[in-house]
């Protein structure tokens, strides 16, 4: 995108936000753990008055997850920037991309291609805007069925907030030989095929003042080379 088209896309994204939160705005903000990455995020200073009932219903029906940089996304983005060897020259899926921060970090660290996958069209719009702000390009896809090329690595942050999503722990490794997942929601993560890489304290930005337990982010790795009798890679739908 040119500077002009990026600005226009930013304002279109803000219009999408206004469908849910008409009293709020987006602002370009560097994220605390990766200050070289700027994202279009919800304004840091939020209105202190309670939301009207109709706005609250809309927020609950269509939450704009993409306008926050969640703690796990920050930690995984920082990890990739610190370990570029994990992504250099690779074709990568950023699963449940949200704001796109992890995929953007992967591109900045030398990935060949990042496919940002998210069911929410607004999140994909946010990924495009945020990629342009940071001078990289993400390929956008609404689901895993849209992926037609071989994938080297899947990265995912904050996708296990709903226990109905736990099946992705089994599904994602069928699509790529390596998976990196960052999570702050599962208190006792003891999946036998995932190895803990690091634990770090972080907060969502803008700060939601979440319970401290959600500020403890763990990064896990699933590597097929460590699994005996691993099944062949296959395609799996979301």
C-alpha atoms as a PDB file:
ATOM      1  CA  UNK A   1       0.000   0.000   0.000  1.00  0.00           C
ATOM      2  CA  UNK A   2       1.047   3.595  -0.574  1.00  0.00           C
ATOM      3  CA  UNK A   3       0.932   6.022   2.351  1.00  0.00           C
ATOM      4  CA  UNK A   4      -2.320   7.414   0.949  1.00  0.00           C
ATOM      5  CA  UNK A   5      -3.964   4.010   0.539  1.00  0.00           C
ATOM      6  CA  UNK A   6      -2.758   2.921   3.987  1.00  0.00           C
ATOM      7  CA  UNK A   7      -4.373   6.010   5.504  1.00  0.00           C
ATOM      8  CA  UNK A   8      -7.609   5.302   3.642  1.00  0.00           C
ATOM      9  CA  UNK A   9      -7.563   1.665   4.771  1.00  0.00           C
ATOM     10  CA  UNK A  10      -6.925   2.800   8.365  1.00  0.00           C
ATOM     11  CA  UNK A  11     -10.034   4.991   8.265  1.00  0.00           C
ATOM     12  CA  UNK A  12     -12.099   2.152   6.769  1.00  0.00           C
ATOM     13  CA  UNK A  13     -10.926  -0.067   9.602  1.00  0.00           C
ATOM     14  CA  UNK A  14     -11.930   2.587  12.116  1.00  0.00           C
ATOM     15  CA  UNK A  15     -15.367   2.682  10.482  1.00  0.00           C
ATOM     16  CA  UNK A  16     -15.648  -1.054  11.131  1.00  0.00           C
ATOM     17  CA  UNK A  17     -14.793  -0.435  14.792  1.00  0.00           C
ATOM     18  CA  UNK A  18     -17.490   2.250  14.974  1.00  0.00           C
ATOM     19  CA  UNK A  19     -20.113  -0.356  14.059  1.00  0.00           C
ATOM     20  CA  UNK A  20     -19.441  -1.874  17.484  1.00  0.00           C
ATOM     21  CA  UNK A  21     -17.938   0.993  19.500  1.00  0.00           C
ATOM     22  CA  UNK A  22     -19.020   4.310  17.975  1.00  0.00           C
ATOM     23  CA  UNK A  23     -17.460   6.334  20.797  1.00  0.00           C
ATOM     24  CA  UNK A  24     -13.963   4.851  20.383  1.00  0.00           C
ATOM     25  CA  UNK A  25     -11.165   5.455  17.909  1.00  0.00           C
ATOM     26  CA  UNK A  26      -8.135   3.650  16.558  1.00  0.00           C
ATOM     27  CA  UNK A  27      -4.622   4.946  16.963  1.00  0.00           C
ATOM     28  CA  UNK A  28      -1.238   3.817  15.703  1.00  0.00           C
ATOM     29  CA  UNK A  29       0.612   2.502  18.700  1.00  0.00           C
ATOM     30  CA  UNK A  30       3.986   0.789  19.217  1.00  0.00           C
ATOM     31  CA  UNK A  31       3.525  -2.359  21.256  1.00  0.00           C
ATOM     32  CA  UNK A  32       5.429  -2.594  24.552  1.00  0.00           C
ATOM     33  CA  UNK A  33       7.434  -5.786  23.920  1.00  0.00           C
ATOM     34  CA  UNK A  34       8.182  -4.985  20.265  1.00  0.00           C
ATOM     35  CA  UNK A  35       8.390  -1.177  20.029  1.00  0.00           C
ATOM     36  CA  UNK A  36       9.555  -1.329  16.407  1.00  0.00           C
ATOM     37  CA  UNK A  37       6.142  -2.735  15.462  1.00  0.00           C
ATOM     38  CA  UNK A  38       3.229  -0.299  15.282  1.00  0.00           C
ATOM     39  CA  UNK A  39      -0.384  -1.443  15.099  1.00  0.00           C
ATOM     40  CA  UNK A  40      -3.753   0.199  14.595  1.00  0.00           C
ATOM     41  CA  UNK A  41      -5.263  -0.450  18.020  1.00  0.00           C
ATOM     42  CA  UNK A  42      -8.064   0.781  20.220  1.00  0.00           C
ATOM     43  CA  UNK A  43      -7.263   4.129  21.807  1.00  0.00           C
ATOM     44  CA  UNK A  44      -5.132   3.705  24.924  1.00  0.00           C
ATOM     45  CA  UNK A  45      -7.338   5.962  27.070  1.00  0.00           C
ATOM     46  CA  UNK A  46     -10.823   4.495  27.023  1.00  0.00           C
ATOM     47  CA  UNK A  47     -14.101   6.199  27.993  1.00  0.00           C
ATOM     48  CA  UNK A  48     -14.826   5.621  31.678  1.00  0.00           C
ATOM     49  CA  UNK A  49     -18.607   5.678  31.384  1.00  0.00           C
ATOM     50  CA  UNK A  50     -20.511   2.382  31.020  1.00  0.00           C
ATOM     51  CA  UNK A  51     -21.429   1.395  27.481  1.00  0.00           C
ATOM     52  CA  UNK A  52     -25.059   1.837  26.446  1.00  0.00           C
ATOM     53  CA  UNK A  53     -26.996  -1.428  26.425  1.00  0.00           C
ATOM     54  CA  UNK A  54     -27.161  -1.619  22.626  1.00  0.00           C
ATOM     55  CA  UNK A  55     -23.391  -1.140  22.314  1.00  0.00           C
ATOM     56  CA  UNK A  56     -22.725  -3.760  24.966  1.00  0.00           C
ATOM     57  CA  UNK A  57     -24.918  -6.263  23.125  1.00  0.00           C
ATOM     58  CA  UNK A  58     -23.025  -5.540  19.913  1.00  0.00           C
ATOM     59  CA  UNK A  59     -19.660  -5.951  21.638  1.00  0.00           C
ATOM     60  CA  UNK A  60     -20.713  -9.328  23.019  1.00  0.00           C
ATOM     61  CA  UNK A  61     -22.124 -10.435  19.672  1.00  0.00           C
ATOM     62  CA  UNK A  62     -19.140  -9.310  17.560  1.00  0.00           C
ATOM     63  CA  UNK A  63     -16.104  -8.661  19.763  1.00  0.00           C
ATOM     64  CA  UNK A  64     -13.357  -6.711  17.996  1.00  0.00           C
ATOM     65  CA  UNK A  65     -10.478  -8.875  19.209  1.00  0.00           C
ATOM     66  CA  UNK A  66      -8.287  -7.444  16.448  1.00  0.00           C
ATOM     67  CA  UNK A  67      -8.127  -3.964  18.020  1.00  0.00           C
ATOM     68  CA  UNK A  68      -6.042  -5.249  20.941  1.00  0.00           C
ATOM     69  CA  UNK A  69      -2.536  -6.682  20.918  1.00  0.00           C
ATOM     70  CA  UNK A  70      -3.048  -9.552  23.331  1.00  0.00           C
ATOM     71  CA  UNK A  71      -0.315 -10.572  25.745  1.00  0.00           C
ATOM     72  CA  UNK A  72       0.402 -13.900  24.066  1.00  0.00           C
ATOM     73  CA  UNK A  73       0.683 -12.254  20.662  1.00  0.00           C
ATOM     74  CA  UNK A  74       3.247  -9.815  21.987  1.00  0.00           C
ATOM     75  CA  UNK A  75       5.328 -12.548  23.584  1.00  0.00           C
ATOM     76  CA  UNK A  76       5.312 -14.764  20.488  1.00  0.00           C
ATOM     77  CA  UNK A  77       6.145 -11.789  18.251  1.00  0.00           C
ATOM     78  CA  UNK A  78       9.072 -10.906  20.500  1.00  0.00           C
ATOM     79  CA  UNK A  79      10.216 -14.552  20.474  1.00  0.00           C
ATOM     80  CA  UNK A  80      10.292 -14.668  16.664  1.00  0.00           C
ATOM     81  CA  UNK A  81      12.220 -11.411  16.416  1.00  0.00           C
ATOM     82  CA  UNK A  82      14.754 -12.775  18.914  1.00  0.00           C
ATOM     83  CA  UNK A  83      14.988 -16.135  17.088  1.00  0.00           C
ATOM     84  CA  UNK A  84      14.850 -15.349  13.357  1.00  0.00           C
ATOM     85  CA  UNK A  85      16.227 -18.798  12.568  1.00  0.00           C
ATOM     86  CA  UNK A  86      12.759 -20.159  13.398  1.00  0.00           C
ATOM     87  CA  UNK A  87      11.193 -18.340  10.436  1.00  0.00           C
ATOM     88  CA  UNK A  88      13.895 -17.370   7.919  1.00  0.00           C
ATOM     89  CA  UNK A  89      12.928 -18.388   4.401  1.00  0.00           C
ATOM     90  CA  UNK A  90       9.857 -20.294   5.562  1.00  0.00           C
ATOM     91  CA  UNK A  91       6.245 -20.346   4.453  1.00  0.00           C
ATOM     92  CA  UNK A  92       4.155 -19.758   7.574  1.00  0.00           C
ATOM     93  CA  UNK A  93       0.525 -19.707   8.718  1.00  0.00           C
ATOM     94  CA  UNK A  94      -0.421 -17.164  11.391  1.00  0.00           C
ATOM     95  CA  UNK A  95      -3.505 -18.967  12.697  1.00  0.00           C
ATOM     96  CA  UNK A  96      -6.168 -16.839  14.396  1.00  0.00           C
ATOM     97  CA  UNK A  97      -4.141 -13.837  13.324  1.00  0.00           C
ATOM     98  CA  UNK A  98      -6.186 -11.071  14.982  1.00  0.00           C
ATOM     99  CA  UNK A  99      -4.176  -7.864  14.611  1.00  0.00           C
ATOM    100  CA  UNK A 100      -1.513  -9.728  12.628  1.00  0.00           C
ATOM    101  CA  UNK A 101       1.268  -8.916  15.080  1.00  0.00           C
ATOM    102  CA  UNK A 102       2.826 -12.393  15.095  1.00  0.00           C
ATOM    103  CA  UNK A 103       2.761 -12.705  11.317  1.00  0.00           C
ATOM    104  CA  UNK A 104       4.240  -9.223  10.958  1.00  0.00           C
ATOM    105  CA  UNK A 105       7.051 -10.168  13.335  1.00  0.00           C
ATOM    106  CA  UNK A 106       7.688 -13.316  11.301  1.00  0.00           C
ATOM    107  CA  UNK A 107       7.991 -11.293   8.092  1.00  0.00           C
ATOM    108  CA  UNK A 108      10.302  -8.778   9.752  1.00  0.00           C
ATOM    109  CA  UNK A 109      12.418 -11.706  10.975  1.00  0.00           C
ATOM    110  CA  UNK A 110      12.850 -13.042   7.443  1.00  0.00           C
ATOM    111  CA  UNK A 111       9.925 -15.342   6.637  1.00  0.00           C
ATOM    112  CA  UNK A 112       9.397 -15.977   2.936  1.00  0.00           C
ATOM    113  CA  UNK A 113       5.610 -15.741   3.191  1.00  0.00           C
ATOM    114  CA  UNK A 114       3.026 -15.467   5.963  1.00  0.00           C
ATOM    115  CA  UNK A 115      -0.593 -16.429   5.447  1.00  0.00           C
ATOM    116  CA  UNK A 116      -2.781 -14.695   8.033  1.00  0.00           C
ATOM    117  CA  UNK A 117      -5.813 -16.898   8.753  1.00  0.00           C
ATOM    118  CA  UNK A 118      -8.802 -15.542  10.663  1.00  0.00           C
ATOM    119  CA  UNK A 119     -12.549 -16.174  10.442  1.00  0.00           C
ATOM    120  CA  UNK A 120     -13.304 -12.499  11.136  1.00  0.00           C
ATOM    121  CA  UNK A 121     -13.185 -10.332   7.976  1.00  0.00           C
ATOM    122  CA  UNK A 122     -12.467  -7.298  10.165  1.00  0.00           C
ATOM    123  CA  UNK A 123      -9.401  -9.045  11.578  1.00  0.00           C
ATOM    124  CA  UNK A 124      -8.138  -9.710   8.056  1.00  0.00           C
ATOM    125  CA  UNK A 125      -8.660  -6.028   7.246  1.00  0.00           C
ATOM    126  CA  UNK A 126      -6.671  -5.164  10.381  1.00  0.00           C
ATOM    127  CA  UNK A 127      -3.893  -7.536   9.311  1.00  0.00           C
ATOM    128  CA  UNK A 128      -3.642  -5.784   5.946  1.00  0.00           C
ATOM    129  CA  UNK A 129      -3.520  -2.320   7.516  1.00  0.00           C
ATOM    130  CA  UNK A 130      -1.004  -3.315  10.172  1.00  0.00           C
ATOM    131  CA  UNK A 131       1.211  -5.085   7.649  1.00  0.00           C
ATOM    132  CA  UNK A 132       1.264  -1.939   5.504  1.00  0.00           C
ATOM    133  CA  UNK A 133       2.105   0.233   8.515  1.00  0.00           C
ATOM    134  CA  UNK A 134       5.135  -1.987   9.140  1.00  0.00           C
ATOM    135  CA  UNK A 135       6.232  -2.256   5.526  1.00  0.00           C
ATOM    136  CA  UNK A 136       5.508  -5.955   5.015  1.00  0.00           C
ATOM    137  CA  UNK A 137       2.833  -7.944   3.212  1.00  0.00           C
ATOM    138  CA  UNK A 138       0.620 -10.712   4.545  1.00  0.00           C
ATOM    139  CA  UNK A 139      -1.476 -13.060   2.434  1.00  0.00           C
ATOM    140  CA  UNK A 140      -5.010 -13.167   3.848  1.00  0.00           C
ATOM    141  CA  UNK A 141      -7.224 -16.245   4.183  1.00  0.00           C
ATOM    142  CA  UNK A 142     -10.549 -16.811   6.003  1.00  0.00           C
ATOM    143  CA  UNK A 143      -9.844 -20.436   6.933  1.00  0.00           C
ATOM    144  CA  UNK A 144      -7.372 -23.252   6.570  1.00  0.00           C
ATOM    145  CA  UNK A 145      -9.192 -24.676   3.548  1.00  0.00           C
ATOM    146  CA  UNK A 146      -7.923 -21.689   1.556  1.00  0.00           C
ATOM    147  CA  UNK A 147      -4.308 -22.834   2.015  1.00  0.00           C
ATOM    148  CA  UNK A 148      -3.041 -24.592  -1.103  1.00  0.00           C
ATOM    149  CA  UNK A 149       0.747 -24.426  -0.686  1.00  0.00           C
ATOM    150  CA  UNK A 150       3.100 -26.436   1.558  1.00  0.00           C
ATOM    151  CA  UNK A 151       3.587 -24.860   4.994  1.00  0.00           C
ATOM    152  CA  UNK A 152       6.775 -25.034   7.062  1.00  0.00           C
ATOM    153  CA  UNK A 153       5.545 -23.564  10.344  1.00  0.00           C
ATOM    154  CA  UNK A 154       2.279 -22.603  12.040  1.00  0.00           C
ATOM    155  CA  UNK A 155       2.283 -19.816  14.632  1.00  0.00           C
ATOM    156  CA  UNK A 156      -0.709 -19.150  16.864  1.00  0.00           C
ATOM    157  CA  UNK A 157      -1.293 -16.892  19.866  1.00  0.00           C
ATOM    158  CA  UNK A 158      -4.331 -16.563  22.118  1.00  0.00           C
ATOM    159  CA  UNK A 159      -6.398 -19.131  20.236  1.00  0.00           C
ATOM    160  CA  UNK A 160      -7.115 -21.404  23.230  1.00  0.00           C
ATOM    161  CA  UNK A 161      -9.302 -18.939  25.156  1.00  0.00           C
ATOM    162  CA  UNK A 162     -12.296 -21.147  24.282  1.00  0.00           C
ATOM    163  CA  UNK A 163     -11.996 -24.806  25.276  1.00  0.00           C
ATOM    164  CA  UNK A 164     -13.845 -25.681  22.077  1.00  0.00           C
ATOM    165  CA  UNK A 165     -10.625 -24.675  20.298  1.00  0.00           C
ATOM    166  CA  UNK A 166      -8.463 -27.271  22.029  1.00  0.00           C
ATOM    167  CA  UNK A 167      -8.849 -29.647  19.096  1.00  0.00           C
ATOM    168  CA  UNK A 168      -6.537 -27.353  17.137  1.00  0.00           C
ATOM    169  CA  UNK A 169      -3.679 -28.698  19.244  1.00  0.00           C
ATOM    170  CA  UNK A 170      -4.136 -31.938  17.301  1.00  0.00           C
ATOM    171  CA  UNK A 171      -5.222 -30.471  13.967  1.00  0.00           C
ATOM    172  CA  UNK A 172      -2.488 -27.892  13.384  1.00  0.00           C
ATOM    173  CA  UNK A 173       0.440 -30.348  13.471  1.00  0.00           C
ATOM    174  CA  UNK A 174      -1.167 -32.237  10.578  1.00  0.00           C
ATOM    175  CA  UNK A 175      -0.642 -29.170   8.386  1.00  0.00           C
ATOM    176  CA  UNK A 176       3.006 -28.322   9.077  1.00  0.00           C
ATOM    177  CA  UNK A 177       6.049 -30.020  10.596  1.00  0.00           C
ATOM    178  CA  UNK A 178       6.426 -27.372  13.305  1.00  0.00           C
ATOM    179  CA  UNK A 179       3.922 -25.437  15.433  1.00  0.00           C
ATOM    180  CA  UNK A 180       4.540 -22.608  17.910  1.00  0.00           C
ATOM    181  CA  UNK A 181       1.691 -21.675  20.260  1.00  0.00           C
ATOM    182  CA  UNK A 182       1.608 -18.907  22.871  1.00  0.00           C
ATOM    183  CA  UNK A 183      -1.113 -19.096  25.508  1.00  0.00           C
ATOM    184  CA  UNK A 184      -2.085 -17.400  28.749  1.00  0.00           C
ATOM    185  CA  UNK A 185      -5.521 -18.946  29.303  1.00  0.00           C
ATOM    186  CA  UNK A 186      -4.952 -22.623  30.042  1.00  0.00           C
ATOM    187  CA  UNK A 187      -3.768 -22.921  33.612  1.00  0.00           C
ATOM    188  CA  UNK A 188      -2.428 -26.468  33.326  1.00  0.00           C
ATOM    189  CA  UNK A 189      -1.184 -27.024  29.783  1.00  0.00           C
ATOM    190  CA  UNK A 190       0.178 -30.552  29.781  1.00  0.00           C
ATOM    191  CA  UNK A 191      -0.301 -31.829  26.246  1.00  0.00           C
ATOM    192  CA  UNK A 192       2.205 -34.667  25.752  1.00  0.00           C
ATOM    193  CA  UNK A 193       3.301 -33.525  22.294  1.00  0.00           C
ATOM    194  CA  UNK A 194       4.011 -29.871  23.130  1.00  0.00           C
ATOM    195  CA  UNK A 195       7.225 -28.721  24.798  1.00  0.00           C
ATOM    196  CA  UNK A 196       7.449 -25.553  26.896  1.00  0.00           C
ATOM    197  CA  UNK A 197       9.976 -23.099  25.439  1.00  0.00           C
ATOM    198  CA  UNK A 198       9.577 -20.108  27.721  1.00  0.00           C
ATOM    199  CA  UNK A 199       7.349 -18.331  30.219  1.00  0.00           C
ATOM    200  CA  UNK A 200       7.077 -14.563  30.293  1.00  0.00           C
ATOM    201  CA  UNK A 201       4.966 -11.885  31.950  1.00  0.00           C
ATOM    202  CA  UNK A 202       3.159  -9.528  29.576  1.00  0.00           C
ATOM    203  CA  UNK A 203      -0.027  -7.482  29.413  1.00  0.00           C
ATOM    204  CA  UNK A 204      -2.503  -6.895  26.647  1.00  0.00           C
ATOM    205  CA  UNK A 205      -2.208  -3.521  24.939  1.00  0.00           C
ATOM    206  CA  UNK A 206      -4.161  -1.322  25.460  1.00  0.00           C
ATOM    207  CA  UNK A 207      -4.108  -2.609  29.018  1.00  0.00           C
ATOM    208  CA  UNK A 208      -7.377  -4.315  29.961  1.00  0.00           C
ATOM    209  CA  UNK A 209      -6.274  -4.711  33.591  1.00  0.00           C
ATOM    210  CA  UNK A 210      -6.898  -8.431  33.331  1.00  0.00           C
ATOM    211  CA  UNK A 211      -6.414 -10.781  36.253  1.00  0.00           C
ATOM    212  CA  UNK A 212      -2.663 -11.328  36.830  1.00  0.00           C
ATOM    213  CA  UNK A 213      -2.925 -15.015  35.923  1.00  0.00           C
ATOM    214  CA  UNK A 214      -3.650 -13.981  32.324  1.00  0.00           C
ATOM    215  CA  UNK A 215      -0.379 -12.055  32.209  1.00  0.00           C
ATOM    216  CA  UNK A 216       1.667 -15.255  32.436  1.00  0.00           C
ATOM    217  CA  UNK A 217       2.319 -16.278  28.845  1.00  0.00           C
ATOM    218  CA  UNK A 218       3.802 -19.630  27.903  1.00  0.00           C
ATOM    219  CA  UNK A 219       5.252 -20.487  24.505  1.00  0.00           C
ATOM    220  CA  UNK A 220       5.004 -24.120  23.417  1.00  0.00           C
ATOM    221  CA  UNK A 221       6.548 -25.999  20.521  1.00  0.00           C
ATOM    222  CA  UNK A 222       5.311 -29.032  18.621  1.00  0.00           C
ATOM    223  CA  UNK A 223       7.988 -30.535  16.373  1.00  0.00           C
ATOM    224  CA  UNK A 224       7.142 -33.588  14.310  1.00  0.00           C
ATOM    225  CA  UNK A 225      10.751 -34.775  14.250  1.00  0.00           C
ATOM    226  CA  UNK A 226      10.451 -35.590  17.956  1.00  0.00           C
ATOM    227  CA  UNK A 227       7.327 -37.738  17.537  1.00  0.00           C
ATOM    228  CA  UNK A 228       7.611 -41.479  16.969  1.00  0.00           C
ATOM    229  CA  UNK A 229       5.501 -42.843  14.102  1.00  0.00           C
ATOM    230  CA  UNK A 230       4.158 -39.402  13.211  1.00  0.00           C
ATOM    231  CA  UNK A 231       1.360 -39.587  10.622  1.00  0.00           C
ATOM    232  CA  UNK A 232       1.888 -37.921   7.230  1.00  0.00           C
ATOM    233  CA  UNK A 233       0.908 -34.307   6.811  1.00  0.00           C
ATOM    234  CA  UNK A 234      -2.619 -33.740   5.573  1.00  0.00           C
ATOM    235  CA  UNK A 235      -5.098 -30.922   5.169  1.00  0.00           C
ATOM    236  CA  UNK A 236      -7.546 -30.105   7.958  1.00  0.00           C
ATOM    237  CA  UNK A 237     -10.419 -27.659   8.005  1.00  0.00           C
ATOM    238  CA  UNK A 238     -11.238 -25.137  10.712  1.00  0.00           C
END
